[in-house]
Protein backbone atom coordinates (compact mmCIF):
# COMPACT_ATOMS: atom_id res chain seq x y z
CA MET A 1 24.00 -21.05 22.26
CA SER A 2 24.25 -18.28 19.78
CA ARG A 3 22.55 -15.05 20.49
CA ILE A 4 20.32 -13.48 18.34
CA LEU A 5 17.79 -10.07 18.52
CA LEU A 6 14.74 -9.18 16.44
CA PHE A 7 15.26 -5.63 16.03
CA ASN A 8 12.54 -3.12 14.24
CA LYS A 9 14.26 -0.97 12.46
CA PRO A 10 12.66 2.54 11.86
CA PHE A 11 12.99 4.80 8.84
CA ARG A 12 16.40 6.26 8.11
CA VAL A 13 18.41 3.89 10.34
CA LEU A 14 21.50 2.20 8.73
CA THR A 15 22.11 -1.38 9.09
CA GLN A 16 25.46 -0.70 10.69
CA PHE A 17 27.22 0.55 13.95
CA THR A 18 28.92 3.68 12.54
CA ASP A 19 28.73 6.13 9.53
CA SER A 20 30.94 9.03 8.87
CA GLU A 21 28.27 11.15 7.52
CA GLY A 22 26.13 11.24 11.17
CA ARG A 23 22.96 9.20 10.19
CA SER A 24 21.13 7.52 12.70
CA THR A 25 23.17 3.87 13.16
CA LEU A 26 22.05 0.62 14.88
CA ALA A 27 24.32 1.94 17.72
CA ASP A 28 21.52 4.72 18.60
CA PHE A 29 19.22 1.29 19.89
CA ILE A 30 21.21 -1.49 20.87
CA LYS A 31 23.87 -1.48 23.20
CA VAL A 32 24.95 -5.49 23.27
CA PRO A 33 28.30 -5.93 22.03
CA GLY A 34 29.62 -8.44 19.92
CA VAL A 35 26.35 -8.58 17.67
CA TYR A 36 26.06 -7.81 13.57
CA ALA A 37 23.18 -7.50 11.49
CA ALA A 38 22.59 -10.89 9.55
CA GLY A 39 21.32 -9.18 6.18
CA ARG A 40 20.34 -5.60 5.19
CA LEU A 41 17.43 -3.72 5.23
CA ASP A 42 17.42 -0.32 2.98
CA PHE A 43 18.09 2.92 4.98
CA ASP A 44 14.55 4.15 3.76
CA SER A 45 13.09 0.81 4.78
CA GLU A 46 11.55 -0.40 7.97
CA GLY A 47 10.71 -3.62 10.56
CA LEU A 48 12.21 -6.83 10.87
CA LEU A 49 16.09 -7.04 11.26
CA ILE A 50 18.11 -9.91 12.63
CA LEU A 51 21.24 -9.79 14.66
CA MET A 52 23.40 -12.42 16.00
CA ASP A 53 26.94 -13.01 17.55
CA ASP A 54 27.63 -16.27 15.51
CA GLY A 55 29.65 -15.29 12.34
CA ARG A 56 28.67 -18.99 11.05
CA LEU A 57 25.18 -18.60 11.69
CA GLN A 58 25.15 -15.81 9.54
CA GLN A 59 26.32 -17.25 6.59
CA GLN A 60 23.73 -19.94 6.75
CA LEU A 61 20.49 -17.69 7.72
CA ALA A 62 21.90 -15.84 4.19
CA ASN A 63 22.62 -19.27 2.66
CA PRO A 64 19.74 -19.20 -0.63
CA ALA A 65 19.75 -22.59 0.13
CA PHE A 66 17.74 -22.18 3.13
CA LYS A 67 14.82 -19.84 0.56
CA LEU A 68 13.87 -18.09 4.10
CA PRO A 69 10.24 -16.47 3.27
CA LYS A 70 10.35 -12.47 3.77
CA THR A 71 7.04 -11.09 3.95
CA TYR A 72 6.76 -6.93 3.62
CA CYS A 73 4.02 -5.07 4.04
CA VAL A 74 4.11 -2.41 1.21
CA GLN A 75 2.29 0.90 0.25
CA VAL A 76 2.27 1.31 -3.29
CA ASP A 77 1.29 4.35 -5.47
CA GLY A 78 -2.19 3.82 -7.27
CA GLU A 79 -5.10 1.23 -6.71
CA ILE A 80 -2.84 -1.99 -7.52
CA SER A 81 -4.80 -4.02 -9.67
CA GLU A 82 -5.20 -8.28 -9.90
CA ALA A 83 -3.04 -8.33 -13.44
CA ALA A 84 -0.19 -6.67 -11.34
CA LEU A 85 -0.17 -9.19 -8.20
CA ASN A 86 -0.49 -11.83 -10.82
CA ARG A 87 2.57 -10.46 -12.48
CA LEU A 88 4.47 -10.48 -8.90
CA ARG A 89 3.10 -13.96 -8.30
CA GLN A 90 4.68 -15.18 -11.89
CA GLY A 91 7.69 -13.31 -10.93
CA VAL A 92 9.22 -10.24 -13.14
CA GLN A 93 12.20 -9.69 -14.99
CA LEU A 94 14.57 -7.37 -13.67
CA LYS A 95 17.79 -6.04 -14.76
CA ASP A 96 19.63 -8.72 -12.90
CA GLY A 97 17.25 -11.57 -14.19
CA PRO A 98 13.68 -12.70 -13.57
CA THR A 99 12.56 -13.07 -9.98
CA ARG A 100 11.17 -16.35 -8.32
CA PRO A 101 7.10 -16.42 -8.18
CA ALA A 102 6.36 -14.46 -4.87
CA ARG A 103 3.13 -14.84 -2.72
CA ALA A 104 1.36 -11.37 -3.17
CA ARG A 105 -2.25 -10.05 -2.21
CA ARG A 106 -3.99 -6.67 -1.65
CA ILE A 107 -4.54 -6.32 2.19
CA ASN A 108 -6.09 -3.31 4.29
CA PRO A 109 -3.52 -1.19 5.69
CA PRO A 110 -2.03 -3.36 8.75
CA ARG A 111 -3.58 -2.97 12.30
CA TRP A 112 -0.44 -2.59 13.99
CA LEU A 113 0.48 0.47 11.58
CA TRP A 114 3.06 3.14 13.36
CA PRO A 115 3.36 6.75 12.11
CA ARG A 116 6.29 7.39 10.07
CA ASN A 117 8.38 10.43 10.11
CA PRO A 118 8.33 12.00 8.23
CA PRO A 119 5.03 10.72 6.81
CA VAL A 120 4.27 9.42 3.28
CA ARG A 121 3.61 12.17 1.28
CA PHE A 122 -0.45 12.40 0.54
CA ARG A 123 -1.96 13.68 -2.73
CA LYS A 124 -5.75 13.66 -2.80
CA GLU A 125 -5.82 13.10 -6.39
CA GLN A 126 -3.56 10.00 -6.13
CA PRO A 127 -5.10 6.71 -3.86
CA THR A 128 -3.01 4.40 -2.49
CA SER A 129 -2.85 0.48 -1.51
CA TRP A 130 -1.31 -1.83 0.14
CA ILE A 131 -0.02 -5.12 -0.58
CA GLU A 132 1.64 -8.08 1.74
CA LEU A 133 4.20 -9.74 -0.65
CA ILE A 134 6.37 -12.64 0.41
CA ILE A 135 9.53 -13.47 -1.24
CA THR A 136 12.52 -16.23 -0.72
CA GLU A 137 15.39 -13.81 -2.25
CA GLY A 138 17.02 -11.16 -1.39
CA ARG A 139 18.45 -8.97 -4.12
CA ASN A 140 19.25 -5.48 -3.23
CA ARG A 141 15.87 -3.05 -3.04
CA GLN A 142 14.42 -6.19 -4.75
CA VAL A 143 10.73 -5.18 -3.36
CA ARG A 144 10.96 -1.82 -4.67
CA ARG A 145 12.01 -2.88 -7.91
CA MET A 146 9.17 -5.68 -8.86
CA THR A 147 6.57 -3.39 -7.76
CA ALA A 148 7.66 -0.45 -9.90
CA GLU A 149 8.11 -3.37 -12.75
CA VAL A 150 4.48 -3.58 -12.31
CA GLY A 151 3.69 -0.08 -12.74
CA PHE A 152 3.01 0.63 -8.89
CA PRO A 153 6.13 2.21 -7.07
CA THR A 154 6.81 1.57 -3.76
CA LEU A 155 6.17 4.46 -1.16
CA ARG A 156 6.60 2.51 2.12
CA LEU A 157 8.19 -0.86 2.97
CA ILE A 158 8.03 -2.86 6.32
CA ARG A 159 9.51 -6.43 6.50
CA TRP A 160 7.14 -7.96 9.29
CA SER A 161 8.69 -11.12 8.93
CA ILE A 162 12.13 -13.70 7.91
CA GLY A 163 10.95 -17.62 8.47
CA ASN A 164 9.01 -17.79 11.74
CA TRP A 165 10.50 -14.66 13.62
CA THR A 166 8.13 -11.77 13.55
CA LEU A 167 7.92 -7.68 14.81
CA GLU A 168 5.21 -9.33 17.01
CA SER A 169 4.76 -6.77 19.95
CA LEU A 170 8.10 -4.74 18.89
CA ALA A 171 7.72 -1.07 18.46
CA PRO A 172 10.03 1.07 16.18
CA GLY A 173 13.43 1.12 17.78
CA GLN A 174 12.46 -1.79 20.52
CA TRP A 175 14.15 -5.27 20.15
CA ARG A 176 13.94 -8.34 21.78
CA GLU A 177 16.37 -12.30 21.84
CA GLU A 178 15.14 -15.06 21.02
CA GLN A 179 15.85 -18.85 20.08
CA VAL A 180 17.51 -20.22 17.11
CA ASN A 181 15.58 -22.42 15.24
CA LEU A 182 17.04 -22.43 11.56
CA PRO A 183 15.84 -25.68 9.65
CA ALA A 184 18.39 -27.96 7.92
CA PRO A 185 19.88 -27.01 4.72
CA PRO A 186 19.10 -29.16 1.74
CA ALA A 187 20.63 -32.09 1.36
CA ARG A 188 23.50 -32.84 -1.78
CA PRO A 189 22.98 -35.37 -4.56
CA ALA A 190 24.24 -38.67 -3.72
CA ALA A 191 26.43 -38.15 -6.58
CA ALA A 192 28.18 -34.81 -5.20
CA ARG A 193 28.65 -36.36 -2.01
CA ARG A 194 30.43 -39.43 -3.52
CA ASN A 195 32.39 -37.02 -5.48
CA SER A 196 33.46 -35.37 -2.63
CA ARG A 197 35.04 -38.21 -0.85
CA ARG A 198 36.82 -39.41 -3.65
CA PRO A 199 40.62 -38.92 -2.96
CA SER A 200 42.58 -36.66 -5.43
CA ALA A 201 45.31 -38.14 -7.69
CA LYS A 202 48.44 -38.86 -6.14
CA ARG A 203 51.23 -36.40 -7.40
CA PRO A 204 54.75 -38.26 -8.76
CA ARG A 205 57.47 -38.38 -6.41
CA SER A 206 60.12 -35.85 -7.85
CA ARG A 207 63.29 -37.99 -8.67
CA ALA A 208 65.46 -35.20 -8.22
């Protein structure tokens, strides 16, 4: 049985165990030997990070074929419009290509929201709003780039869940152990399976 840890990563913590610049890392919170982060979460983002001790399972979790949904609660700069939400739902064009359609809706500030240190800068003349964004990709700083592309830069980003795993009952800096229950990857087409079983052509024997 593989070991899997769910960790609520605080703001400004690296998703690695060492850092030459003296920044806060996972080692400040997790003393379990032999576990490594499956995927990443930006230094300036918060929320769910999965760690495990099985390298093959790490690769499986990161495999795009699984398309595990990731749910984010995002505080954006400004009163987000329905037009902007519709663009997120349809997929937006980024420099590295279009995103898959996302599920996006406006929400109230989450009831479980904890204070951030330092807090998001407050500007009386500029309102903010919260959205729930669910994506099935994991590009570099994708959520921040998506909200910026539709005109509402991200101020605070918290990942609430990956698949069925959530932050439920975890305060920042806390972790718990969970059971592994990944879905099976999509089956390859029959033709592809047949081709993979075909024997390679025999090489002629040398007459030298």
